[in-house]
Amino acid sequence: MPGPNHDLLSVTELLSDPDFVQSLVIIRSSGGSFQAGGWVDKTSNIDALGVVVVATSQDLRFLPEGDRVSGAMKFYCRETLFETRNTKSKQGLSDILLWRGSHYKISKILPYFDYGFCAAIGVRMEGE
């Protein structure tokens, strides 16, 4: 039985392990402008690595639309991810993750920043 000084496996180690991580693209909106034909989003793509698992029914309880969600995945990565925010100090749209050819809009950020990683639930965007 391990003693109190036993080093536990750090989740952040898994986020660097090629046996677990997969390629992701974070599509981040940074505003936009009105142009001929309407609003055009200004986005940037950020290449990232992360662990992707199916969101559980317990995970979906974090989402207001949890009972209607299909195609939800849970993403773990070292990059900071954002959900839609509209406060005096922070404004912006949710990040969209491109994984295995599908787009997932971040619906909920889970509070693991103190442990060196970000966990988020993304919902598959229909028609993408």
C-alpha atoms as a PDB file:
ATOM      1  CA  MET A   1       0.000   0.000   0.000  1.00  0.00           C
ATOM      2  CA  PRO A   2       1.480   3.380  -0.929  1.00  0.00           C
ATOM      3  CA  GLY A   3       2.481   5.723   1.847  1.00  0.00           C
ATOM      4  CA  PRO A   4       1.491   9.380   2.170  1.00  0.00           C
ATOM      5  CA  ASN A   5       4.528  10.500   0.128  1.00  0.00           C
ATOM      6  CA  HIS A   6       3.754   8.203  -2.816  1.00  0.00           C
ATOM      7  CA  ASP A   7       3.697  10.142  -6.090  1.00  0.00           C
ATOM      8  CA  LEU A   8       0.332   9.732  -7.787  1.00  0.00           C
ATOM      9  CA  LEU A   9      -0.040   9.710 -11.543  1.00  0.00           C
ATOM     10  CA  SER A  10      -0.526  13.250 -12.770  1.00  0.00           C
ATOM     11  CA  VAL A  11      -3.295  13.731 -15.324  1.00  0.00           C
ATOM     12  CA  THR A  12      -1.089  16.272 -17.078  1.00  0.00           C
ATOM     13  CA  GLU A  13       1.344  13.443 -17.900  1.00  0.00           C
ATOM     14  CA  LEU A  14      -1.416  11.750 -19.906  1.00  0.00           C
ATOM     15  CA  LEU A  15      -1.901  14.965 -21.869  1.00  0.00           C
ATOM     16  CA  SER A  16       1.615  14.551 -23.266  1.00  0.00           C
ATOM     17  CA  ASP A  17       1.500  10.784 -23.799  1.00  0.00           C
ATOM     18  CA  PRO A  18       1.204   9.884 -27.506  1.00  0.00           C
ATOM     19  CA  ASP A  19      -0.735   6.747 -26.544  1.00  0.00           C
ATOM     20  CA  PHE A  20      -3.604   8.903 -25.255  1.00  0.00           C
ATOM     21  CA  VAL A  21      -3.595  12.289 -27.003  1.00  0.00           C
ATOM     22  CA  GLN A  22      -5.209  13.138 -30.301  1.00  0.00           C
ATOM     23  CA  SER A  23      -4.930  16.151 -32.575  1.00  0.00           C
ATOM     24  CA  LEU A  24      -7.474  18.935 -32.104  1.00  0.00           C
ATOM     25  CA  VAL A  25      -7.931  22.320 -33.705  1.00  0.00           C
ATOM     26  CA  ILE A  26      -9.333  25.054 -31.475  1.00  0.00           C
ATOM     27  CA  ILE A  27     -11.284  27.569 -33.548  1.00  0.00           C
ATOM     28  CA  ARG A  28     -11.416  30.751 -31.483  1.00  0.00           C
ATOM     29  CA  SER A  29     -13.546  33.747 -32.354  1.00  0.00           C
ATOM     30  CA  SER A  30     -11.921  37.105 -31.759  1.00  0.00           C
ATOM     31  CA  GLY A  31     -14.682  39.389 -32.892  1.00  0.00           C
ATOM     32  CA  GLY A  32     -15.644  40.259 -36.405  1.00  0.00           C
ATOM     33  CA  SER A  33     -17.083  42.978 -38.527  1.00  0.00           C
ATOM     34  CA  PHE A  34     -19.969  43.834 -40.802  1.00  0.00           C
ATOM     35  CA  GLN A  35     -19.018  43.450 -44.437  1.00  0.00           C
ATOM     36  CA  ALA A  36     -20.965  43.250 -47.652  1.00  0.00           C
ATOM     37  CA  GLY A  37     -23.454  40.446 -47.083  1.00  0.00           C
ATOM     38  CA  GLY A  38     -23.481  40.605 -43.278  1.00  0.00           C
ATOM     39  CA  TRP A  39     -21.395  39.744 -40.249  1.00  0.00           C
ATOM     40  CA  VAL A  40     -18.045  38.020 -40.801  1.00  0.00           C
ATOM     41  CA  ASP A  41     -16.397  36.327 -37.816  1.00  0.00           C
ATOM     42  CA  LYS A  42     -12.702  36.804 -37.243  1.00  0.00           C
ATOM     43  CA  THR A  43     -11.310  33.475 -36.064  1.00  0.00           C
ATOM     44  CA  SER A  44      -7.950  31.914 -35.415  1.00  0.00           C
ATOM     45  CA  ASN A  45      -7.008  28.248 -35.442  1.00  0.00           C
ATOM     46  CA  ILE A  46      -4.876  26.823 -32.636  1.00  0.00           C
ATOM     47  CA  ASP A  47      -3.362  23.374 -33.063  1.00  0.00           C
ATOM     48  CA  ALA A  48      -3.576  21.400 -29.827  1.00  0.00           C
ATOM     49  CA  LEU A  49      -3.351  17.915 -28.383  1.00  0.00           C
ATOM     50  CA  GLY A  50      -5.905  16.458 -26.035  1.00  0.00           C
ATOM     51  CA  VAL A  51      -7.605  13.411 -24.647  1.00  0.00           C
ATOM     52  CA  VAL A  52     -11.146  12.933 -25.929  1.00  0.00           C
ATOM     53  CA  VAL A  53     -13.751  10.700 -24.290  1.00  0.00           C
ATOM     54  CA  VAL A  54     -17.501  10.308 -24.568  1.00  0.00           C
ATOM     55  CA  ALA A  55     -19.376  12.577 -22.165  1.00  0.00           C
ATOM     56  CA  THR A  56     -21.266  10.593 -19.558  1.00  0.00           C
ATOM     57  CA  SER A  57     -24.811  11.198 -18.375  1.00  0.00           C
ATOM     58  CA  GLN A  58     -23.305  12.652 -15.192  1.00  0.00           C
ATOM     59  CA  ASP A  59     -21.237  15.096 -17.300  1.00  0.00           C
ATOM     60  CA  LEU A  60     -24.360  16.187 -19.149  1.00  0.00           C
ATOM     61  CA  ARG A  61     -25.983  17.288 -15.898  1.00  0.00           C
ATOM     62  CA  PHE A  62     -23.686  20.335 -16.112  1.00  0.00           C
ATOM     63  CA  LEU A  63     -25.468  21.462 -19.278  1.00  0.00           C
ATOM     64  CA  PRO A  64     -28.818  23.258 -19.177  1.00  0.00           C
ATOM     65  CA  GLU A  65     -29.910  21.264 -22.221  1.00  0.00           C
ATOM     66  CA  GLY A  66     -28.468  18.013 -20.854  1.00  0.00           C
ATOM     67  CA  ASP A  67     -31.543  15.932 -21.474  1.00  0.00           C
ATOM     68  CA  ARG A  68     -31.598  16.885 -25.164  1.00  0.00           C
ATOM     69  CA  VAL A  69     -27.890  16.690 -26.002  1.00  0.00           C
ATOM     70  CA  SER A  70     -26.562  14.144 -28.461  1.00  0.00           C
ATOM     71  CA  GLY A  71     -23.015  13.783 -29.667  1.00  0.00           C
ATOM     72  CA  ALA A  72     -21.388  15.313 -26.581  1.00  0.00           C
ATOM     73  CA  MET A  73     -17.712  14.660 -25.946  1.00  0.00           C
ATOM     74  CA  LYS A  74     -15.419  15.565 -23.070  1.00  0.00           C
ATOM     75  CA  PHE A  75     -12.104  17.174 -23.969  1.00  0.00           C
ATOM     76  CA  TYR A  76      -9.009  17.410 -21.762  1.00  0.00           C
ATOM     77  CA  CYS A  77      -6.078  19.561 -22.884  1.00  0.00           C
ATOM     78  CA  ARG A  78      -3.412  21.935 -21.629  1.00  0.00           C
ATOM     79  CA  GLU A  79      -4.740  24.803 -23.727  1.00  0.00           C
ATOM     80  CA  THR A  80      -7.280  27.060 -22.051  1.00  0.00           C
ATOM     81  CA  LEU A  81     -10.704  26.642 -23.612  1.00  0.00           C
ATOM     82  CA  PHE A  82     -13.577  29.111 -23.420  1.00  0.00           C
ATOM     83  CA  GLU A  83     -17.336  28.889 -23.295  1.00  0.00           C
ATOM     84  CA  THR A  84     -19.517  31.865 -24.241  1.00  0.00           C
ATOM     85  CA  ARG A  85     -19.075  34.611 -21.674  1.00  0.00           C
ATOM     86  CA  ASN A  86     -20.621  38.045 -21.394  1.00  0.00           C
ATOM     87  CA  THR A  87     -19.512  39.920 -18.313  1.00  0.00           C
ATOM     88  CA  LYS A  88     -17.984  43.365 -17.841  1.00  0.00           C
ATOM     89  CA  SER A  89     -14.461  41.933 -17.778  1.00  0.00           C
ATOM     90  CA  LYS A  90     -14.809  39.014 -20.215  1.00  0.00           C
ATOM     91  CA  GLN A  91     -16.725  38.705 -23.440  1.00  0.00           C
ATOM     92  CA  GLY A  92     -16.489  36.179 -26.221  1.00  0.00           C
ATOM     93  CA  LEU A  93     -18.030  33.250 -27.970  1.00  0.00           C
ATOM     94  CA  SER A  94     -17.442  29.603 -27.181  1.00  0.00           C
ATOM     95  CA  ASP A  95     -14.466  27.916 -28.742  1.00  0.00           C
ATOM     96  CA  ILE A  96     -15.214  25.317 -31.370  1.00  0.00           C
ATOM     97  CA  LEU A  97     -13.076  22.186 -31.458  1.00  0.00           C
ATOM     98  CA  LEU A  98     -12.438  20.352 -34.698  1.00  0.00           C
ATOM     99  CA  TRP A  99     -11.862  16.676 -33.942  1.00  0.00           C
ATOM    100  CA  ARG A 100     -12.062  13.775 -36.402  1.00  0.00           C
ATOM    101  CA  GLY A 101     -13.768  15.945 -38.992  1.00  0.00           C
ATOM    102  CA  SER A 102     -16.590  17.128 -36.703  1.00  0.00           C
ATOM    103  CA  HIS A 103     -17.078  20.463 -34.963  1.00  0.00           C
ATOM    104  CA  TYR A 104     -17.881  20.600 -31.243  1.00  0.00           C
ATOM    105  CA  LYS A 105     -19.007  23.812 -29.572  1.00  0.00           C
ATOM    106  CA  ILE A 106     -17.762  24.159 -26.003  1.00  0.00           C
ATOM    107  CA  SER A 107     -20.818  24.217 -23.764  1.00  0.00           C
ATOM    108  CA  LYS A 108     -19.261  23.866 -20.331  1.00  0.00           C
ATOM    109  CA  ILE A 109     -15.816  24.358 -18.834  1.00  0.00           C
ATOM    110  CA  LEU A 110     -15.045  22.144 -15.856  1.00  0.00           C
ATOM    111  CA  PRO A 111     -12.919  23.698 -13.059  1.00  0.00           C
ATOM    112  CA  TYR A 112      -9.574  21.893 -13.313  1.00  0.00           C
ATOM    113  CA  PHE A 113      -7.282  24.857 -14.094  1.00  0.00           C
ATOM    114  CA  ASP A 114      -5.503  24.527 -10.734  1.00  0.00           C
ATOM    115  CA  TYR A 115      -4.333  21.069 -11.801  1.00  0.00           C
ATOM    116  CA  GLY A 116      -2.626  22.233 -14.988  1.00  0.00           C
ATOM    117  CA  PHE A 117      -5.234  21.306 -17.557  1.00  0.00           C
ATOM    118  CA  CYS A 118      -8.593  22.294 -18.961  1.00  0.00           C
ATOM    119  CA  ALA A 119     -11.590  19.981 -19.149  1.00  0.00           C
ATOM    120  CA  ALA A 120     -14.623  20.889 -21.217  1.00  0.00           C
ATOM    121  CA  ILE A 121     -17.784  19.396 -22.609  1.00  0.00           C
ATOM    122  CA  GLY A 122     -18.356  20.009 -26.295  1.00  0.00           C
ATOM    123  CA  VAL A 123     -21.588  19.368 -28.161  1.00  0.00           C
ATOM    124  CA  ARG A 124     -21.451  18.270 -31.782  1.00  0.00           C
ATOM    125  CA  MET A 125     -22.690  20.974 -34.098  1.00  0.00           C
ATOM    126  CA  GLU A 126     -25.332  19.694 -36.504  1.00  0.00           C
ATOM    127  CA  GLY A 127     -24.675  20.160 -40.200  1.00  0.00           C
ATOM    128  CA  GLU A 128     -20.931  20.656 -39.799  1.00  0.00           C
END
